[in-house]
Amino acid sequence: MLTNGPPAATVAALKERLSGTLGKLVADPKGPLHGDAILLAALWKEPVAVKAVAALARNDSAMAEQRQLALATLVAAKDAAATGIAADLLARRGEAARPLHVAILTALA
């Protein structure tokens, strides 16, 4: 069982072998695997994917669960935008904001 994640060499090898395919999936916003691809690529700190994931976290028309996953991905990637996005979303008021607040706090946990 891995407790600290896979060795850096394994991650590097996976990234090298998957980068071409992953890049194509990230570049196709209408593709069925685009959402998952941007999340994985953002964890690898790919700038285009990080930007797309941050946009998803900010997207008012996205479901709270999608926004939570996007924010959690930014947190896991140690992206500096994560705290600002979370603060902006938590500043929203009203009953409609409550599910989003729960999702954001969960992502930050």
PDB file of N, CA and C in Angstrom:
ATOM      1  N   MET A   1       0.843  -1.183   0.000  1.00  0.00           N
ATOM      2  CA  MET A   1       0.000   0.000   0.000  1.00  0.00           C
ATOM      3  C   MET A   1       0.884   1.240   0.000  1.00  0.00           C
ATOM      4  N   LEU A   2       0.551   2.178  -0.859  1.00  0.00           N
ATOM      5  CA  LEU A   2       1.301   3.417  -0.938  1.00  0.00           C
ATOM      6  C   LEU A   2       0.733   4.427   0.037  1.00  0.00           C
ATOM      7  N   THR A   3       1.577   4.973   0.875  1.00  0.00           N
ATOM      8  CA  THR A   3       1.085   5.941   1.845  1.00  0.00           C
ATOM      9  C   THR A   3       1.394   7.378   1.435  1.00  0.00           C
ATOM     10  N   ASN A   4       2.442   7.561   0.678  1.00  0.00           N
ATOM     11  CA  ASN A   4       2.824   8.917   0.263  1.00  0.00           C
ATOM     12  C   ASN A   4       2.711   9.094  -1.244  1.00  0.00           C
ATOM     13  N   GLY A   5       1.898   8.302  -1.892  1.00  0.00           N
ATOM     14  CA  GLY A   5       1.753   8.383  -3.337  1.00  0.00           C
ATOM     15  C   GLY A   5       2.838   7.588  -4.031  1.00  0.00           C
ATOM     16  N   PRO A   6       2.720   7.496  -5.333  1.00  0.00           N
ATOM     17  CA  PRO A   6       3.715   6.729  -6.093  1.00  0.00           C
ATOM     18  C   PRO A   6       5.047   7.462  -6.141  1.00  0.00           C
ATOM     19  N   PRO A   7       6.118   6.723  -6.367  1.00  0.00           N
ATOM     20  CA  PRO A   7       7.434   7.370  -6.478  1.00  0.00           C
ATOM     21  C   PRO A   7       7.447   8.378  -7.620  1.00  0.00           C
ATOM     22  N   ALA A   8       8.277   9.388  -7.486  1.00  0.00           N
ATOM     23  CA  ALA A   8       8.349  10.451  -8.494  1.00  0.00           C
ATOM     24  C   ALA A   8       8.658   9.890  -9.881  1.00  0.00           C
ATOM     25  N   ALA A   9       9.478   8.867  -9.952  1.00  0.00           N
ATOM     26  CA  ALA A   9       9.826   8.274 -11.244  1.00  0.00           C
ATOM     27  C   ALA A   9       8.597   7.652 -11.912  1.00  0.00           C
ATOM     28  N   THR A  10       7.727   7.060 -11.116  1.00  0.00           N
ATOM     29  CA  THR A  10       6.505   6.467 -11.657  1.00  0.00           C
ATOM     30  C   THR A  10       5.589   7.563 -12.192  1.00  0.00           C
ATOM     31  N   VAL A  11       5.433   8.615 -11.446  1.00  0.00           N
ATOM     32  CA  VAL A  11       4.596   9.735 -11.884  1.00  0.00           C
ATOM     33  C   VAL A  11       5.169  10.334 -13.168  1.00  0.00           C
ATOM     34  N   ALA A  12       6.464  10.518 -13.215  1.00  0.00           N
ATOM     35  CA  ALA A  12       7.103  11.093 -14.410  1.00  0.00           C
ATOM     36  C   ALA A  12       6.897  10.185 -15.621  1.00  0.00           C
ATOM     37  N   ALA A  13       7.028   8.871 -15.428  1.00  0.00           N
ATOM     38  CA  ALA A  13       6.833   7.933 -16.533  1.00  0.00           C
ATOM     39  C   ALA A  13       5.381   7.946 -17.020  1.00  0.00           C
ATOM     40  N   LEU A  14       4.447   7.981 -16.089  1.00  0.00           N
ATOM     41  CA  LEU A  14       3.035   8.059 -16.465  1.00  0.00           C
ATOM     42  C   LEU A  14       2.748   9.355 -17.219  1.00  0.00           C
ATOM     43  N   LYS A  15       3.268  10.431 -16.708  1.00  0.00           N
ATOM     44  CA  LYS A  15       3.040  11.730 -17.334  1.00  0.00           C
ATOM     45  C   LYS A  15       3.595  11.738 -18.756  1.00  0.00           C
ATOM     46  N   GLU A  16       4.778  11.184 -18.944  1.00  0.00           N
ATOM     47  CA  GLU A  16       5.395  11.136 -20.266  1.00  0.00           C
ATOM     48  C   GLU A  16       4.578  10.289 -21.228  1.00  0.00           C
ATOM     49  N   ARG A  17       4.130   9.125 -20.758  1.00  0.00           N
ATOM     50  CA  ARG A  17       3.386   8.207 -21.633  1.00  0.00           C
ATOM     51  C   ARG A  17       1.981   8.698 -21.937  1.00  0.00           C
ATOM     52  N   LEU A  18       1.385   9.447 -21.010  1.00  0.00           N
ATOM     53  CA  LEU A  18       0.005   9.887 -21.198  1.00  0.00           C
ATOM     54  C   LEU A  18      -0.124  11.307 -21.737  1.00  0.00           C
ATOM     55  N   SER A  19       0.956  12.060 -21.774  1.00  0.00           N
ATOM     56  CA  SER A  19       0.859  13.484 -22.082  1.00  0.00           C
ATOM     57  C   SER A  19       0.221  13.768 -23.437  1.00  0.00           C
ATOM     58  N   GLY A  20       0.554  13.015 -24.457  1.00  0.00           N
ATOM     59  CA  GLY A  20      -0.033  13.259 -25.772  1.00  0.00           C
ATOM     60  C   GLY A  20      -1.531  13.037 -25.785  1.00  0.00           C
ATOM     61  N   THR A  21      -1.949  11.911 -25.263  1.00  0.00           N
ATOM     62  CA  THR A  21      -3.377  11.591 -25.206  1.00  0.00           C
ATOM     63  C   THR A  21      -4.107  12.550 -24.289  1.00  0.00           C
ATOM     64  N   LEU A  22      -3.536  12.801 -23.134  1.00  0.00           N
ATOM     65  CA  LEU A  22      -4.162  13.704 -22.169  1.00  0.00           C
ATOM     66  C   LEU A  22      -4.281  15.108 -22.750  1.00  0.00           C
ATOM     67  N   GLY A  23      -3.262  15.552 -23.435  1.00  0.00           N
ATOM     68  CA  GLY A  23      -3.295  16.864 -24.062  1.00  0.00           C
ATOM     69  C   GLY A  23      -4.429  16.999 -25.065  1.00  0.00           C
ATOM     70  N   LYS A  24      -4.667  15.944 -25.832  1.00  0.00           N
ATOM     71  CA  LYS A  24      -5.768  15.956 -26.802  1.00  0.00           C
ATOM     72  C   LYS A  24      -7.115  16.029 -26.084  1.00  0.00           C
ATOM     73  N   LEU A  25      -7.248  15.313 -24.983  1.00  0.00           N
ATOM     74  CA  LEU A  25      -8.500  15.331 -24.224  1.00  0.00           C
ATOM     75  C   LEU A  25      -8.735  16.691 -23.574  1.00  0.00           C
ATOM     76  N   VAL A  26      -7.683  17.294 -23.069  1.00  0.00           N
ATOM     77  CA  VAL A  26      -7.779  18.623 -22.455  1.00  0.00           C
ATOM     78  C   VAL A  26      -8.168  19.658 -23.506  1.00  0.00           C
ATOM     79  N   ALA A  27      -7.653  19.496 -24.706  1.00  0.00           N
ATOM     80  CA  ALA A  27      -7.891  20.469 -25.776  1.00  0.00           C
ATOM     81  C   ALA A  27      -9.285  20.358 -26.404  1.00  0.00           C
ATOM     82  N   ASP A  28     -10.038  19.321 -26.049  1.00  0.00           N
ATOM     83  CA  ASP A  28     -11.359  19.098 -26.648  1.00  0.00           C
ATOM     84  C   ASP A  28     -12.455  19.307 -25.603  1.00  0.00           C
ATOM     85  N   PRO A  29     -12.905  20.561 -25.413  1.00  0.00           N
ATOM     86  CA  PRO A  29     -13.882  20.836 -24.349  1.00  0.00           C
ATOM     87  C   PRO A  29     -15.229  20.153 -24.538  1.00  0.00           C
ATOM     88  N   LYS A  30     -15.531  19.694 -25.738  1.00  0.00           N
ATOM     89  CA  LYS A  30     -16.800  19.001 -25.977  1.00  0.00           C
ATOM     90  C   LYS A  30     -16.670  17.484 -25.852  1.00  0.00           C
ATOM     91  N   GLY A  31     -15.467  17.002 -25.657  1.00  0.00           N
ATOM     92  CA  GLY A  31     -15.231  15.563 -25.556  1.00  0.00           C
ATOM     93  C   GLY A  31     -15.757  14.989 -24.245  1.00  0.00           C
ATOM     94  N   PRO A  32     -16.134  13.708 -24.262  1.00  0.00           N
ATOM     95  CA  PRO A  32     -16.716  13.089 -23.067  1.00  0.00           C
ATOM     96  C   PRO A  32     -15.739  12.931 -21.897  1.00  0.00           C
ATOM     97  N   LEU A  33     -14.455  12.972 -22.163  1.00  0.00           N
ATOM     98  CA  LEU A  33     -13.458  12.801 -21.094  1.00  0.00           C
ATOM     99  C   LEU A  33     -12.765  14.109 -20.722  1.00  0.00           C
ATOM    100  N   HIS A  34     -13.215  15.205 -21.295  1.00  0.00           N
ATOM    101  CA  HIS A  34     -12.562  16.496 -21.048  1.00  0.00           C
ATOM    102  C   HIS A  34     -12.513  16.842 -19.556  1.00  0.00           C
ATOM    103  N   GLY A  35     -13.629  16.702 -18.861  1.00  0.00           N
ATOM    104  CA  GLY A  35     -13.677  17.063 -17.442  1.00  0.00           C
ATOM    105  C   GLY A  35     -12.678  16.285 -16.609  1.00  0.00           C
ATOM    106  N   ASP A  36     -12.622  14.989 -16.827  1.00  0.00           N
ATOM    107  CA  ASP A  36     -11.666  14.166 -16.078  1.00  0.00           C
ATOM    108  C   ASP A  36     -10.231  14.490 -16.487  1.00  0.00           C
ATOM    109  N   ALA A  37     -10.039  14.756 -17.774  1.00  0.00           N
ATOM    110  CA  ALA A  37      -8.696  15.052 -18.270  1.00  0.00           C
ATOM    111  C   ALA A  37      -8.150  16.344 -17.667  1.00  0.00           C
ATOM    112  N   ILE A  38      -8.989  17.377 -17.579  1.00  0.00           N
ATOM    113  CA  ILE A  38      -8.473  18.634 -17.011  1.00  0.00           C
ATOM    114  C   ILE A  38      -8.141  18.479 -15.531  1.00  0.00           C
ATOM    115  N   LEU A  39      -8.913  17.645 -14.831  1.00  0.00           N
ATOM    116  CA  LEU A  39      -8.614  17.430 -13.413  1.00  0.00           C
ATOM    117  C   LEU A  39      -7.266  16.743 -13.236  1.00  0.00           C
ATOM    118  N   LEU A  40      -7.020  15.687 -14.021  1.00  0.00           N
ATOM    119  CA  LEU A  40      -5.741  14.979 -13.921  1.00  0.00           C
ATOM    120  C   LEU A  40      -4.591  15.886 -14.341  1.00  0.00           C
ATOM    121  N   ALA A  41      -4.753  16.565 -15.465  1.00  0.00           N
ATOM    122  CA  ALA A  41      -3.677  17.431 -15.948  1.00  0.00           C
ATOM    123  C   ALA A  41      -3.408  18.582 -14.979  1.00  0.00           C
ATOM    124  N   ALA A  42      -4.436  19.074 -14.308  1.00  0.00           N
ATOM    125  CA  ALA A  42      -4.237  20.140 -13.323  1.00  0.00           C
ATOM    126  C   ALA A  42      -3.417  19.629 -12.137  1.00  0.00           C
ATOM    127  N   LEU A  43      -3.632  18.393 -11.759  1.00  0.00           N
ATOM    128  CA  LEU A  43      -2.822  17.819 -10.677  1.00  0.00           C
ATOM    129  C   LEU A  43      -1.352  17.765 -11.068  1.00  0.00           C
ATOM    130  N   TRP A  44      -1.100  17.660 -12.368  1.00  0.00           N
ATOM    131  CA  TRP A  44       0.266  17.668 -12.889  1.00  0.00           C
ATOM    132  C   TRP A  44       0.721  19.079 -13.217  1.00  0.00           C
ATOM    133  N   LYS A  45      -0.093  20.065 -12.820  1.00  0.00           N
ATOM    134  CA  LYS A  45       0.233  21.485 -12.956  1.00  0.00           C
ATOM    135  C   LYS A  45       0.389  21.944 -14.407  1.00  0.00           C
ATOM    136  N   GLU A  46      -0.370  21.325 -15.303  1.00  0.00           N
ATOM    137  CA  GLU A  46      -0.380  21.763 -16.699  1.00  0.00           C
ATOM    138  C   GLU A  46      -1.161  23.075 -16.763  1.00  0.00           C
ATOM    139  N   PRO A  47      -0.541  24.170 -17.204  1.00  0.00           N
ATOM    140  CA  PRO A  47      -1.169  25.494 -17.136  1.00  0.00           C
ATOM    141  C   PRO A  47      -2.550  25.593 -17.787  1.00  0.00           C
ATOM    142  N   VAL A  48      -2.727  25.003 -18.955  1.00  0.00           N
ATOM    143  CA  VAL A  48      -4.023  25.083 -19.632  1.00  0.00           C
ATOM    144  C   VAL A  48      -5.092  24.388 -18.793  1.00  0.00           C
ATOM    145  N   ALA A  49      -4.748  23.250 -18.218  1.00  0.00           N
ATOM    146  CA  ALA A  49      -5.701  22.502 -17.405  1.00  0.00           C
ATOM    147  C   ALA A  49      -5.996  23.227 -16.099  1.00  0.00           C
ATOM    148  N   VAL A  50      -4.992  23.795 -15.470  1.00  0.00           N
ATOM    149  CA  VAL A  50      -5.205  24.541 -14.226  1.00  0.00           C
ATOM    150  C   VAL A  50      -6.165  25.703 -14.482  1.00  0.00           C
ATOM    151  N   LYS A  51      -5.973  26.383 -15.595  1.00  0.00           N
ATOM    152  CA  LYS A  51      -6.858  27.491 -15.950  1.00  0.00           C
ATOM    153  C   LYS A  51      -8.293  26.990 -16.161  1.00  0.00           C
ATOM    154  N   ALA A  52      -8.446  25.857 -16.839  1.00  0.00           N
ATOM    155  CA  ALA A  52      -9.780  25.293 -17.089  1.00  0.00           C
ATOM    156  C   ALA A  52     -10.451  24.845 -15.791  1.00  0.00           C
ATOM    157  N   VAL A  53      -9.674  24.257 -14.888  1.00  0.00           N
ATOM    158  CA  VAL A  53     -10.227  23.801 -13.611  1.00  0.00           C
ATOM    159  C   VAL A  53     -10.629  25.007 -12.755  1.00  0.00           C
ATOM    160  N   ALA A  54      -9.823  26.044 -12.749  1.00  0.00           N
ATOM    161  CA  ALA A  54     -10.184  27.259 -12.008  1.00  0.00           C
ATOM    162  C   ALA A  54     -11.469  27.867 -12.581  1.00  0.00           C
ATOM    163  N   ALA A  55     -11.598  27.856 -13.893  1.00  0.00           N
ATOM    164  CA  ALA A  55     -12.818  28.372 -14.525  1.00  0.00           C
ATOM    165  C   ALA A  55     -14.033  27.534 -14.128  1.00  0.00           C
ATOM    166  N   LEU A  56     -13.853  26.224 -14.042  1.00  0.00           N
ATOM    167  CA  LEU A  56     -14.944  25.343 -13.614  1.00  0.00           C
ATOM    168  C   LEU A  56     -15.340  25.643 -12.173  1.00  0.00           C
ATOM    169  N   ALA A  57     -14.366  25.850 -11.318  1.00  0.00           N
ATOM    170  CA  ALA A  57     -14.658  26.155  -9.913  1.00  0.00           C
ATOM    171  C   ALA A  57     -15.437  27.458  -9.781  1.00  0.00           C
ATOM    172  N   ARG A  58     -15.200  28.397 -10.686  1.00  0.00           N
ATOM    173  CA  ARG A  58     -15.876  29.699 -10.643  1.00  0.00           C
ATOM    174  C   ARG A  58     -17.211  29.713 -11.399  1.00  0.00           C
ATOM    175  N   ASN A  59     -17.489  28.672 -12.160  1.00  0.00           N
ATOM    176  CA  ASN A  59     -18.640  28.641 -13.062  1.00  0.00           C
ATOM    177  C   ASN A  59     -19.960  28.511 -12.300  1.00  0.00           C
ATOM    178  N   ASP A  60     -20.746  29.560 -12.312  1.00  0.00           N
ATOM    179  CA  ASP A  60     -22.014  29.565 -11.587  1.00  0.00           C
ATOM    180  C   ASP A  60     -23.026  28.562 -12.137  1.00  0.00           C
ATOM    181  N   SER A  61     -22.887  28.164 -13.385  1.00  0.00           N
ATOM    182  CA  SER A  61     -23.851  27.218 -13.955  1.00  0.00           C
ATOM    183  C   SER A  61     -23.451  25.761 -13.734  1.00  0.00           C
ATOM    184  N   ALA A  62     -22.245  25.520 -13.229  1.00  0.00           N
ATOM    185  CA  ALA A  62     -21.808  24.151 -12.934  1.00  0.00           C
ATOM    186  C   ALA A  62     -22.444  23.668 -11.634  1.00  0.00           C
ATOM    187  N   MET A  63     -22.616  22.364 -11.533  1.00  0.00           N
ATOM    188  CA  MET A  63     -23.178  21.782 -10.311  1.00  0.00           C
ATOM    189  C   MET A  63     -22.190  21.958  -9.160  1.00  0.00           C
ATOM    190  N   ALA A  64     -22.730  22.052  -7.943  1.00  0.00           N
ATOM    191  CA  ALA A  64     -21.890  22.244  -6.756  1.00  0.00           C
ATOM    192  C   ALA A  64     -20.847  21.137  -6.635  1.00  0.00           C
ATOM    193  N   GLU A  65     -21.224  19.909  -6.981  1.00  0.00           N
ATOM    194  CA  GLU A  65     -20.283  18.782  -6.881  1.00  0.00           C
ATOM    195  C   GLU A  65     -19.104  18.960  -7.832  1.00  0.00           C
ATOM    196  N   GLN A  66     -19.389  19.464  -9.047  1.00  0.00           N
ATOM    197  CA  GLN A  66     -18.316  19.697 -10.012  1.00  0.00           C
ATOM    198  C   GLN A  66     -17.381  20.805  -9.513  1.00  0.00           C
ATOM    199  N   ARG A  67     -17.980  21.831  -8.964  1.00  0.00           N
ATOM    200  CA  ARG A  67     -17.182  22.946  -8.458  1.00  0.00           C
ATOM    201  C   ARG A  67     -16.341  22.510  -7.265  1.00  0.00           C
ATOM    202  N   GLN A  68     -16.906  21.662  -6.412  1.00  0.00           N
ATOM    203  CA  GLN A  68     -16.168  21.134  -5.268  1.00  0.00           C
ATOM    204  C   GLN A  68     -14.967  20.327  -5.746  1.00  0.00           C
ATOM    205  N   LEU A  69     -15.180  19.457  -6.721  1.00  0.00           N
ATOM    206  CA  LEU A  69     -14.091  18.636  -7.239  1.00  0.00           C
ATOM    207  C   LEU A  69     -13.016  19.504  -7.887  1.00  0.00           C
ATOM    208  N   ALA A  70     -13.447  20.531  -8.603  1.00  0.00           N
ATOM    209  CA  ALA A  70     -12.481  21.438  -9.225  1.00  0.00           C
ATOM    210  C   ALA A  70     -11.652  22.148  -8.162  1.00  0.00           C
ATOM    211  N   LEU A  71     -12.306  22.650  -7.123  1.00  0.00           N
ATOM    212  CA  LEU A  71     -11.571  23.338  -6.064  1.00  0.00           C
ATOM    213  C   LEU A  71     -10.652  22.368  -5.320  1.00  0.00           C
ATOM    214  N   ALA A  72     -11.133  21.168  -5.043  1.00  0.00           N
ATOM    215  CA  ALA A  72     -10.300  20.171  -4.363  1.00  0.00           C
ATOM    216  C   ALA A  72      -9.065  19.833  -5.205  1.00  0.00           C
ATOM    217  N   THR A  73      -9.232  19.811  -6.509  1.00  0.00           N
ATOM    218  CA  THR A  73      -8.105  19.547  -7.398  1.00  0.00           C
ATOM    219  C   THR A  73      -7.088  20.676  -7.313  1.00  0.00           C
ATOM    220  N   LEU A  74      -7.567  21.907  -7.312  1.00  0.00           N
ATOM    221  CA  LEU A  74      -6.647  23.049  -7.180  1.00  0.00           C
ATOM    222  C   LEU A  74      -5.920  23.023  -5.842  1.00  0.00           C
ATOM    223  N   VAL A  75      -6.629  22.642  -4.796  1.00  0.00           N
ATOM    224  CA  VAL A  75      -6.006  22.532  -3.465  1.00  0.00           C
ATOM    225  C   VAL A  75      -4.934  21.446  -3.491  1.00  0.00           C
ATOM    226  N   ALA A  76      -5.269  20.287  -4.054  1.00  0.00           N
ATOM    227  CA  ALA A  76      -4.314  19.174  -4.108  1.00  0.00           C
ATOM    228  C   ALA A  76      -3.088  19.531  -4.950  1.00  0.00           C
ATOM    229  N   ALA A  77      -3.301  20.341  -5.977  1.00  0.00           N
ATOM    230  CA  ALA A  77      -2.189  20.771  -6.833  1.00  0.00           C
ATOM    231  C   ALA A  77      -1.407  21.930  -6.222  1.00  0.00           C
ATOM    232  N   LYS A  78      -1.868  22.385  -5.057  1.00  0.00           N
ATOM    233  CA  LYS A  78      -1.238  23.506  -4.362  1.00  0.00           C
ATOM    234  C   LYS A  78      -1.220  24.768  -5.231  1.00  0.00           C
ATOM    235  N   ASP A  79      -2.325  24.974  -5.964  1.00  0.00           N
ATOM    236  CA  ASP A  79      -2.441  26.146  -6.820  1.00  0.00           C
ATOM    237  C   ASP A  79      -2.849  27.347  -5.973  1.00  0.00           C
ATOM    238  N   ALA A  80      -2.163  28.448  -6.159  1.00  0.00           N
ATOM    239  CA  ALA A  80      -2.404  29.653  -5.353  1.00  0.00           C
ATOM    240  C   ALA A  80      -3.803  30.228  -5.541  1.00  0.00           C
ATOM    241  N   ALA A  81      -4.437  29.952  -6.661  1.00  0.00           N
ATOM    242  CA  ALA A  81      -5.774  30.502  -6.925  1.00  0.00           C
ATOM    243  C   ALA A  81      -6.847  29.869  -6.045  1.00  0.00           C
ATOM    244  N   ALA A  82      -6.586  28.707  -5.486  1.00  0.00           N
ATOM    245  CA  ALA A  82      -7.610  27.967  -4.742  1.00  0.00           C
ATOM    246  C   ALA A  82      -8.190  28.773  -3.579  1.00  0.00           C
ATOM    247  N   THR A  83      -7.358  29.415  -2.809  1.00  0.00           N
ATOM    248  CA  THR A  83      -7.876  30.145  -1.643  1.00  0.00           C
ATOM    249  C   THR A  83      -8.700  31.350  -2.059  1.00  0.00           C
ATOM    250  N   GLY A  84      -8.288  32.041  -3.096  1.00  0.00           N
ATOM    251  CA  GLY A  84      -9.054  33.178  -3.581  1.00  0.00           C
ATOM    252  C   GLY A  84     -10.406  32.770  -4.129  1.00  0.00           C
ATOM    253  N   ILE A  85     -10.434  31.672  -4.871  1.00  0.00           N
ATOM    254  CA  ILE A  85     -11.703  31.163  -5.402  1.00  0.00           C
ATOM    255  C   ILE A  85     -12.610  30.771  -4.252  1.00  0.00           C
ATOM    256  N   ALA A  86     -12.056  30.056  -3.280  1.00  0.00           N
ATOM    257  CA  ALA A  86     -12.861  29.630  -2.121  1.00  0.00           C
ATOM    258  C   ALA A  86     -13.415  30.846  -1.379  1.00  0.00           C
ATOM    259  N   ALA A  87     -12.601  31.850  -1.155  1.00  0.00           N
ATOM    260  CA  ALA A  87     -13.057  33.047  -0.447  1.00  0.00           C
ATOM    261  C   ALA A  87     -14.183  33.744  -1.204  1.00  0.00           C
ATOM    262  N   ASP A  88     -14.035  33.860  -2.517  1.00  0.00           N
ATOM    263  CA  ASP A  88     -15.082  34.488  -3.327  1.00  0.00           C
ATOM    264  C   ASP A  88     -16.394  33.718  -3.228  1.00  0.00           C
ATOM    265  N   LEU A  89     -16.301  32.407  -3.298  1.00  0.00           N
ATOM    266  CA  LEU A  89     -17.516  31.588  -3.263  1.00  0.00           C
ATOM    267  C   LEU A  89     -18.147  31.582  -1.872  1.00  0.00           C
ATOM    268  N   LEU A  90     -17.329  31.600  -0.842  1.00  0.00           N
ATOM    269  CA  LEU A  90     -17.863  31.608   0.518  1.00  0.00           C
ATOM    270  C   LEU A  90     -18.466  32.963   0.885  1.00  0.00           C
ATOM    271  N   ALA A  91     -18.098  34.009   0.171  1.00  0.00           N
ATOM    272  CA  ALA A  91     -18.650  35.338   0.443  1.00  0.00           C
ATOM    273  C   ALA A  91     -20.087  35.486  -0.064  1.00  0.00           C
ATOM    274  N   ARG A  92     -20.520  34.556  -0.871  1.00  0.00           N
ATOM    275  CA  ARG A  92     -21.887  34.637  -1.393  1.00  0.00           C
ATOM    276  C   ARG A  92     -22.882  34.362  -0.283  1.00  0.00           C
ATOM    277  N   ARG A  93     -23.982  35.059  -0.320  1.00  0.00           N
ATOM    278  CA  ARG A  93     -24.994  34.944   0.727  1.00  0.00           C
ATOM    279  C   ARG A  93     -26.300  34.430   0.153  1.00  0.00           C
ATOM    280  N   GLY A  94     -27.155  33.994   1.034  1.00  0.00           N
ATOM    281  CA  GLY A  94     -28.482  33.536   0.642  1.00  0.00           C
ATOM    282  C   GLY A  94     -28.609  32.032   0.755  1.00  0.00           C
ATOM    283  N   GLU A  95     -29.832  31.589   0.794  1.00  0.00           N
ATOM    284  CA  GLU A  95     -30.120  30.156   0.943  1.00  0.00           C
ATOM    285  C   GLU A  95     -29.565  29.344  -0.226  1.00  0.00           C
ATOM    286  N   ALA A  96     -29.602  29.923  -1.419  1.00  0.00           N
ATOM    287  CA  ALA A  96     -29.119  29.205  -2.595  1.00  0.00           C
ATOM    288  C   ALA A  96     -27.615  28.937  -2.523  1.00  0.00           C
ATOM    289  N   ALA A  97     -26.895  29.734  -1.749  1.00  0.00           N
ATOM    290  CA  ALA A  97     -25.443  29.568  -1.643  1.00  0.00           C
ATOM    291  C   ALA A  97     -25.044  28.471  -0.658  1.00  0.00           C
ATOM    292  N   ARG A  98     -25.967  28.052   0.196  1.00  0.00           N
ATOM    293  CA  ARG A  98     -25.620  27.081   1.243  1.00  0.00           C
ATOM    294  C   ARG A  98     -25.014  25.777   0.706  1.00  0.00           C
ATOM    295  N   PRO A  99     -25.606  25.116  -0.311  1.00  0.00           N
ATOM    296  CA  PRO A  99     -24.982  23.882  -0.812  1.00  0.00           C
ATOM    297  C   PRO A  99     -23.577  24.124  -1.356  1.00  0.00           C
ATOM    298  N   LEU A 100     -23.388  25.278  -1.990  1.00  0.00           N
ATOM    299  CA  LEU A 100     -22.062  25.603  -2.503  1.00  0.00           C
ATOM    300  C   LEU A 100     -21.086  25.817  -1.354  1.00  0.00           C
ATOM    301  N   HIS A 101     -21.515  26.456  -0.279  1.00  0.00           N
ATOM    302  CA  HIS A 101     -20.647  26.661   0.881  1.00  0.00           C
ATOM    303  C   HIS A 101     -20.196  25.320   1.456  1.00  0.00           C
ATOM    304  N   VAL A 102     -21.128  24.395   1.582  1.00  0.00           N
ATOM    305  CA  VAL A 102     -20.793  23.054   2.100  1.00  0.00           C
ATOM    306  C   VAL A 102     -19.773  22.391   1.177  1.00  0.00           C
ATOM    307  N   ALA A 103     -20.001  22.479  -0.124  1.00  0.00           N
ATOM    308  CA  ALA A 103     -19.089  21.868  -1.086  1.00  0.00           C
ATOM    309  C   ALA A 103     -17.692  22.480  -1.007  1.00  0.00           C
ATOM    310  N   ILE A 104     -17.640  23.797  -0.864  1.00  0.00           N
ATOM    311  CA  ILE A 104     -16.348  24.482  -0.801  1.00  0.00           C
ATOM    312  C   ILE A 104     -15.593  24.101   0.478  1.00  0.00           C
ATOM    313  N   LEU A 105     -16.287  24.104   1.594  1.00  0.00           N
ATOM    314  CA  LEU A 105     -15.645  23.722   2.866  1.00  0.00           C
ATOM    315  C   LEU A 105     -15.164  22.284   2.831  1.00  0.00           C
ATOM    316  N   THR A 106     -15.921  21.415   2.180  1.00  0.00           N
ATOM    317  CA  THR A 106     -15.518  20.012   2.033  1.00  0.00           C
ATOM    318  C   THR A 106     -14.247  19.917   1.188  1.00  0.00           C
ATOM    319  N   ALA A 107     -14.175  20.689   0.122  1.00  0.00           N
ATOM    320  CA  ALA A 107     -13.006  20.680  -0.747  1.00  0.00           C
ATOM    321  C   ALA A 107     -11.758  21.163  -0.021  1.00  0.00           C
ATOM    322  N   LEU A 108     -11.930  22.077   0.908  1.00  0.00           N
ATOM    323  CA  LEU A 108     -10.802  22.611   1.648  1.00  0.00           C
ATOM    324  C   LEU A 108     -10.339  21.733   2.794  1.00  0.00           C
ATOM    325  N   ALA A 109     -11.174  20.773   3.171  1.00  0.00           N
ATOM    326  CA  ALA A 109     -10.871  19.901   4.316  1.00  0.00           C
ATOM    327  C   ALA A 109      -9.687  19.009   4.072  1.00  0.00           C
TER     328      ALA A 109
END
